Amino acid sequence: MGGPGSSRWRCHTKNTTVEDCLPLTMKPLKKALTYGPGWGGTMNWSQGGEPFAWLSFTTESLSGGLAVRLRYSKTTGDEKKPLDYLVRAISFPVRLGGIRWLFLCPLVLDGTLCGRRSAKLYLPAGGLYFGCRRCHGLTYTSSQVSHKFDGLYTVLAAKVGHGMTVKGVKTLLGR
């Protein structure tokens, strides 16, 4: 059998979660992309009602398609690093009408451009560039929840009977 961490239940390691990152969603960019090149705006994030991060964006033509130019600064210690780069955007028609826009991940891993289609890109606390979940190695908080008591809950649910489910037992026990 495998050693520690060989299963999908890696209780001893916690990856950075998407909830711990700044998300860049397509929603505020859709109108600018629909209008075409030359449109732009700003986005900001707040925590507890106080703004703590912002970026500006403009749309540009890029070899037959559209891209979003992102401009922001990342502060590390006392150093403030200005960042300015393009993220390609693609569109395709949806079945009931309209257009869906997606980002193509701009990160390069092992010398290869990711290019994965994504509705959201993320900027982890220690990162410089927005990228997809796979490139940043991100997970969801819900996927890091321990399942070590699931067997016990199943046994309790069976013993209690009366159609009690594992979820019902967890609710009774306050889990």
C-alpha atoms as a PDB file:
ATOM      1  CA  MET A   1       0.000   0.000   0.000  1.00  0.00           C
ATOM      2  CA  GLY A   2       1.009   3.619  -0.439  1.00  0.00           C
ATOM      3  CA  GLY A   3       2.723   5.718   2.159  1.00  0.00           C
ATOM      4  CA  PRO A   4       1.623   8.952   3.807  1.00  0.00           C
ATOM      5  CA  GLY A   5      -0.069  11.299   1.356  1.00  0.00           C
ATOM      6  CA  SER A   6      -0.586   8.614  -1.283  1.00  0.00           C
ATOM      7  CA  SER A   7      -4.364   8.801  -1.080  1.00  0.00           C
ATOM      8  CA  ARG A   8      -6.618  11.663  -1.997  1.00  0.00           C
ATOM      9  CA  TRP A   9      -7.213  12.376   1.714  1.00  0.00           C
ATOM     10  CA  ARG A  10      -4.059  14.323   2.463  1.00  0.00           C
ATOM     11  CA  CYS A  11      -4.928  15.490   5.969  1.00  0.00           C
ATOM     12  CA  HIS A  12      -1.335  16.426   6.801  1.00  0.00           C
ATOM     13  CA  THR A  13      -0.868  18.977   3.997  1.00  0.00           C
ATOM     14  CA  LYS A  14      -2.989  22.023   3.313  1.00  0.00           C
ATOM     15  CA  ASN A  15      -2.641  23.685  -0.057  1.00  0.00           C
ATOM     16  CA  THR A  16      -3.474  27.326  -0.614  1.00  0.00           C
ATOM     17  CA  THR A  17      -7.173  27.678  -1.315  1.00  0.00           C
ATOM     18  CA  VAL A  18      -8.930  29.799  -3.904  1.00  0.00           C
ATOM     19  CA  GLU A  19     -10.668  31.536  -1.003  1.00  0.00           C
ATOM     20  CA  ASP A  20      -7.243  32.836   0.149  1.00  0.00           C
ATOM     21  CA  CYS A  21      -6.492  34.449  -3.239  1.00  0.00           C
ATOM     22  CA  LEU A  22      -7.599  37.511  -5.164  1.00  0.00           C
ATOM     23  CA  PRO A  23     -10.032  36.310  -7.839  1.00  0.00           C
ATOM     24  CA  LEU A  24     -10.125  37.920 -11.271  1.00  0.00           C
ATOM     25  CA  THR A  25     -13.528  37.137 -12.756  1.00  0.00           C
ATOM     26  CA  MET A  26     -14.739  37.745 -16.268  1.00  0.00           C
ATOM     27  CA  LYS A  27     -17.934  39.478 -15.099  1.00  0.00           C
ATOM     28  CA  PRO A  28     -16.595  43.066 -14.789  1.00  0.00           C
ATOM     29  CA  LEU A  29     -14.630  42.671 -18.046  1.00  0.00           C
ATOM     30  CA  LYS A  30     -17.423  41.339 -20.292  1.00  0.00           C
ATOM     31  CA  LYS A  31     -18.770  44.725 -21.371  1.00  0.00           C
ATOM     32  CA  ALA A  32     -15.317  46.051 -22.301  1.00  0.00           C
ATOM     33  CA  LEU A  33     -14.546  42.862 -24.250  1.00  0.00           C
ATOM     34  CA  THR A  34     -17.888  43.018 -26.060  1.00  0.00           C
ATOM     35  CA  TYR A  35     -17.159  46.598 -27.170  1.00  0.00           C
ATOM     36  CA  GLY A  36     -13.758  45.508 -28.497  1.00  0.00           C
ATOM     37  CA  PRO A  37     -10.262  47.012 -28.298  1.00  0.00           C
ATOM     38  CA  GLY A  38      -9.650  50.275 -26.482  1.00  0.00           C
ATOM     39  CA  TRP A  39     -12.084  49.879 -23.594  1.00  0.00           C
ATOM     40  CA  GLY A  40     -11.032  49.634 -19.971  1.00  0.00           C
ATOM     41  CA  GLY A  41     -11.696  50.281 -16.346  1.00  0.00           C
ATOM     42  CA  THR A  42     -10.590  49.428 -12.840  1.00  0.00           C
ATOM     43  CA  MET A  43     -11.345  46.658 -10.375  1.00  0.00           C
ATOM     44  CA  ASN A  44     -10.838  46.684  -6.622  1.00  0.00           C
ATOM     45  CA  TRP A  45     -11.114  44.246  -3.756  1.00  0.00           C
ATOM     46  CA  SER A  46     -12.088  45.120  -0.216  1.00  0.00           C
ATOM     47  CA  GLN A  47     -11.881  43.373   3.109  1.00  0.00           C
ATOM     48  CA  GLY A  48     -14.085  44.422   6.000  1.00  0.00           C
ATOM     49  CA  GLY A  49     -15.346  47.346   3.929  1.00  0.00           C
ATOM     50  CA  GLU A  50     -11.836  48.696   3.343  1.00  0.00           C
ATOM     51  CA  PRO A  51     -10.252  48.540  -0.145  1.00  0.00           C
ATOM     52  CA  PHE A  52      -6.898  46.750  -0.128  1.00  0.00           C
ATOM     53  CA  ALA A  53      -6.117  45.905  -3.774  1.00  0.00           C
ATOM     54  CA  TRP A  54      -6.903  47.300  -7.193  1.00  0.00           C
ATOM     55  CA  LEU A  55      -5.941  46.936 -10.837  1.00  0.00           C
ATOM     56  CA  SER A  56      -6.667  48.712 -14.084  1.00  0.00           C
ATOM     57  CA  PHE A  57      -7.429  46.951 -17.351  1.00  0.00           C
ATOM     58  CA  THR A  58      -7.770  47.772 -21.039  1.00  0.00           C
ATOM     59  CA  THR A  59      -8.818  45.595 -23.953  1.00  0.00           C
ATOM     60  CA  GLU A  60      -6.465  45.139 -26.903  1.00  0.00           C
ATOM     61  CA  SER A  61      -6.347  43.275 -30.198  1.00  0.00           C
ATOM     62  CA  LEU A  62      -3.988  40.326 -30.181  1.00  0.00           C
ATOM     63  CA  SER A  63      -3.408  38.270 -33.352  1.00  0.00           C
ATOM     64  CA  GLY A  64      -7.015  38.043 -34.468  1.00  0.00           C
ATOM     65  CA  GLY A  65      -8.495  37.940 -30.973  1.00  0.00           C
ATOM     66  CA  LEU A  66      -8.826  40.031 -27.863  1.00  0.00           C
ATOM     67  CA  ALA A  67      -6.727  40.316 -24.754  1.00  0.00           C
ATOM     68  CA  VAL A  68      -6.982  42.176 -21.477  1.00  0.00           C
ATOM     69  CA  ARG A  69      -3.968  44.206 -20.362  1.00  0.00           C
ATOM     70  CA  LEU A  70      -3.691  44.079 -16.576  1.00  0.00           C
ATOM     71  CA  ARG A  71      -1.812  46.768 -14.665  1.00  0.00           C
ATOM     72  CA  TYR A  72      -1.237  46.637 -10.929  1.00  0.00           C
ATOM     73  CA  SER A  73       1.540  46.802  -8.340  1.00  0.00           C
ATOM     74  CA  LYS A  74       2.574  44.014  -6.012  1.00  0.00           C
ATOM     75  CA  THR A  75       4.293  44.966  -2.765  1.00  0.00           C
ATOM     76  CA  THR A  76       6.752  42.517  -1.243  1.00  0.00           C
ATOM     77  CA  GLY A  77       8.289  43.832   1.957  1.00  0.00           C
ATOM     78  CA  ASP A  78       9.447  47.355   1.134  1.00  0.00           C
ATOM     79  CA  GLU A  79       9.672  46.734  -2.625  1.00  0.00           C
ATOM     80  CA  LYS A  80       6.796  47.748  -4.899  1.00  0.00           C
ATOM     81  CA  LYS A  81       6.868  45.961  -8.255  1.00  0.00           C
ATOM     82  CA  PRO A  82       4.703  47.334 -11.106  1.00  0.00           C
ATOM     83  CA  LEU A  83       3.182  44.606 -13.307  1.00  0.00           C
ATOM     84  CA  ASP A  84       1.809  45.042 -16.831  1.00  0.00           C
ATOM     85  CA  TYR A  85       0.908  42.031 -18.993  1.00  0.00           C
ATOM     86  CA  LEU A  86      -1.687  40.617 -21.390  1.00  0.00           C
ATOM     87  CA  VAL A  87      -4.194  37.853 -20.731  1.00  0.00           C
ATOM     88  CA  ARG A  88      -5.876  36.439 -23.823  1.00  0.00           C
ATOM     89  CA  ALA A  89      -9.686  36.213 -23.763  1.00  0.00           C
ATOM     90  CA  ILE A  90     -11.798  33.961 -25.955  1.00  0.00           C
ATOM     91  CA  SER A  91     -15.515  33.955 -26.631  1.00  0.00           C
ATOM     92  CA  PHE A  92     -17.962  31.434 -27.937  1.00  0.00           C
ATOM     93  CA  PRO A  93     -21.741  31.396 -28.395  1.00  0.00           C
ATOM     94  CA  VAL A  94     -23.895  29.742 -25.752  1.00  0.00           C
ATOM     95  CA  ARG A  95     -26.853  27.557 -26.620  1.00  0.00           C
ATOM     96  CA  LEU A  96     -29.653  29.906 -25.591  1.00  0.00           C
ATOM     97  CA  GLY A  97     -28.079  32.986 -27.145  1.00  0.00           C
ATOM     98  CA  GLY A  98     -25.387  35.374 -26.055  1.00  0.00           C
ATOM     99  CA  ILE A  99     -21.645  34.981 -25.702  1.00  0.00           C
ATOM    100  CA  ARG A 100     -19.509  33.434 -22.976  1.00  0.00           C
ATOM    101  CA  TRP A 101     -16.057  34.868 -22.336  1.00  0.00           C
ATOM    102  CA  LEU A 102     -13.176  32.917 -20.787  1.00  0.00           C
ATOM    103  CA  PHE A 103      -9.569  33.695 -19.934  1.00  0.00           C
ATOM    104  CA  LEU A 104      -6.668  31.669 -21.300  1.00  0.00           C
ATOM    105  CA  CYS A 105      -4.225  31.186 -18.432  1.00  0.00           C
ATOM    106  CA  PRO A 106      -1.114  33.314 -19.140  1.00  0.00           C
ATOM    107  CA  LEU A 107       1.310  31.403 -16.888  1.00  0.00           C
ATOM    108  CA  VAL A 108       4.270  29.462 -18.230  1.00  0.00           C
ATOM    109  CA  LEU A 109       5.197  26.266 -16.388  1.00  0.00           C
ATOM    110  CA  ASP A 110       8.298  24.261 -17.341  1.00  0.00           C
ATOM    111  CA  GLY A 111       8.705  26.374 -20.475  1.00  0.00           C
ATOM    112  CA  THR A 112       5.169  25.698 -21.730  1.00  0.00           C
ATOM    113  CA  LEU A 113       2.319  28.211 -21.850  1.00  0.00           C
ATOM    114  CA  CYS A 114      -0.635  26.841 -19.864  1.00  0.00           C
ATOM    115  CA  GLY A 115      -3.403  28.356 -22.001  1.00  0.00           C
ATOM    116  CA  ARG A 116      -6.107  26.582 -19.972  1.00  0.00           C
ATOM    117  CA  ARG A 117      -9.599  28.095 -20.398  1.00  0.00           C
ATOM    118  CA  SER A 118     -10.953  29.514 -17.158  1.00  0.00           C
ATOM    119  CA  ALA A 119     -13.761  31.814 -16.009  1.00  0.00           C
ATOM    120  CA  LYS A 120     -11.591  32.943 -13.069  1.00  0.00           C
ATOM    121  CA  LEU A 121      -7.912  33.562 -12.561  1.00  0.00           C
ATOM    122  CA  TYR A 122      -6.334  33.799  -9.114  1.00  0.00           C
ATOM    123  CA  LEU A 123      -3.494  35.740  -7.511  1.00  0.00           C
ATOM    124  CA  PRO A 124      -2.144  33.976  -4.389  1.00  0.00           C
ATOM    125  CA  ALA A 125      -0.634  36.052  -1.580  1.00  0.00           C
ATOM    126  CA  GLY A 126       2.956  35.252  -2.596  1.00  0.00           C
ATOM    127  CA  GLY A 127       2.346  35.283  -6.365  1.00  0.00           C
ATOM    128  CA  LEU A 128       2.983  37.987  -8.922  1.00  0.00           C
ATOM    129  CA  TYR A 129       0.669  36.970 -11.760  1.00  0.00           C
ATOM    130  CA  PHE A 130      -2.943  35.912 -12.088  1.00  0.00           C
ATOM    131  CA  GLY A 131      -3.280  32.303 -13.251  1.00  0.00           C
ATOM    132  CA  CYS A 132      -5.576  29.291 -13.212  1.00  0.00           C
ATOM    133  CA  ARG A 133      -6.123  26.990 -10.224  1.00  0.00           C
ATOM    134  CA  ARG A 134      -3.945  24.240 -11.675  1.00  0.00           C
ATOM    135  CA  CYS A 135      -0.920  26.460 -12.296  1.00  0.00           C
ATOM    136  CA  HIS A 136      -1.034  27.918  -8.776  1.00  0.00           C
ATOM    137  CA  GLY A 137      -1.787  24.503  -7.201  1.00  0.00           C
ATOM    138  CA  LEU A 138      -4.950  25.800  -5.517  1.00  0.00           C
ATOM    139  CA  THR A 139      -7.741  23.794  -3.919  1.00  0.00           C
ATOM    140  CA  TYR A 140     -11.082  24.642  -2.347  1.00  0.00           C
ATOM    141  CA  THR A 141     -11.504  24.864   1.424  1.00  0.00           C
ATOM    142  CA  SER A 142     -14.278  22.280   1.265  1.00  0.00           C
ATOM    143  CA  SER A 143     -11.924  19.724  -0.324  1.00  0.00           C
ATOM    144  CA  GLN A 144      -9.532  19.980   2.637  1.00  0.00           C
ATOM    145  CA  VAL A 145     -12.100  18.910   5.199  1.00  0.00           C
ATOM    146  CA  SER A 146     -11.101  15.720   6.974  1.00  0.00           C
ATOM    147  CA  HIS A 147     -13.188  12.609   6.282  1.00  0.00           C
ATOM    148  CA  LYS A 148     -11.680  10.458   9.041  1.00  0.00           C
ATOM    149  CA  PHE A 149     -14.996  10.047  10.905  1.00  0.00           C
ATOM    150  CA  ASP A 150     -17.168   9.165   7.883  1.00  0.00           C
ATOM    151  CA  GLY A 151     -17.056   5.426   8.730  1.00  0.00           C
ATOM    152  CA  LEU A 152     -18.193   6.119  12.280  1.00  0.00           C
ATOM    153  CA  TYR A 153     -21.038   8.299  11.026  1.00  0.00           C
ATOM    154  CA  THR A 154     -22.153   5.496   8.704  1.00  0.00           C
ATOM    155  CA  VAL A 155     -22.237   2.989  11.581  1.00  0.00           C
ATOM    156  CA  LEU A 156     -24.129   5.441  13.818  1.00  0.00           C
ATOM    157  CA  ALA A 157     -26.634   6.184  11.059  1.00  0.00           C
ATOM    158  CA  ALA A 158     -27.252   2.441  10.591  1.00  0.00           C
ATOM    159  CA  LYS A 159     -27.680   1.856  14.350  1.00  0.00           C
ATOM    160  CA  VAL A 160     -30.002   4.813  14.843  1.00  0.00           C
ATOM    161  CA  GLY A 161     -32.095   3.633  11.907  1.00  0.00           C
ATOM    162  CA  HIS A 162     -35.401   5.283  11.078  1.00  0.00           C
ATOM    163  CA  GLY A 163     -34.013   6.475   7.735  1.00  0.00           C
ATOM    164  CA  MET A 164     -31.229   8.451   9.408  1.00  0.00           C
ATOM    165  CA  THR A 165     -28.476   9.441   6.971  1.00  0.00           C
ATOM    166  CA  VAL A 166     -24.797  10.162   7.536  1.00  0.00           C
ATOM    167  CA  LYS A 167     -25.578  13.837   6.998  1.00  0.00           C
ATOM    168  CA  GLY A 168     -28.327  13.626   9.654  1.00  0.00           C
ATOM    169  CA  VAL A 169     -25.927  12.048  12.162  1.00  0.00           C
ATOM    170  CA  LYS A 170     -23.364  14.755  11.485  1.00  0.00           C
ATOM    171  CA  THR A 171     -26.042  17.390  12.076  1.00  0.00           C
ATOM    172  CA  LEU A 172     -27.089  15.743  15.356  1.00  0.00           C
ATOM    173  CA  LEU A 173     -23.477  15.684  16.547  1.00  0.00           C
ATOM    174  CA  GLY A 174     -22.876  19.283  15.478  1.00  0.00           C
ATOM    175  CA  ARG A 175     -20.261  18.426  12.844  1.00  0.00           C
END
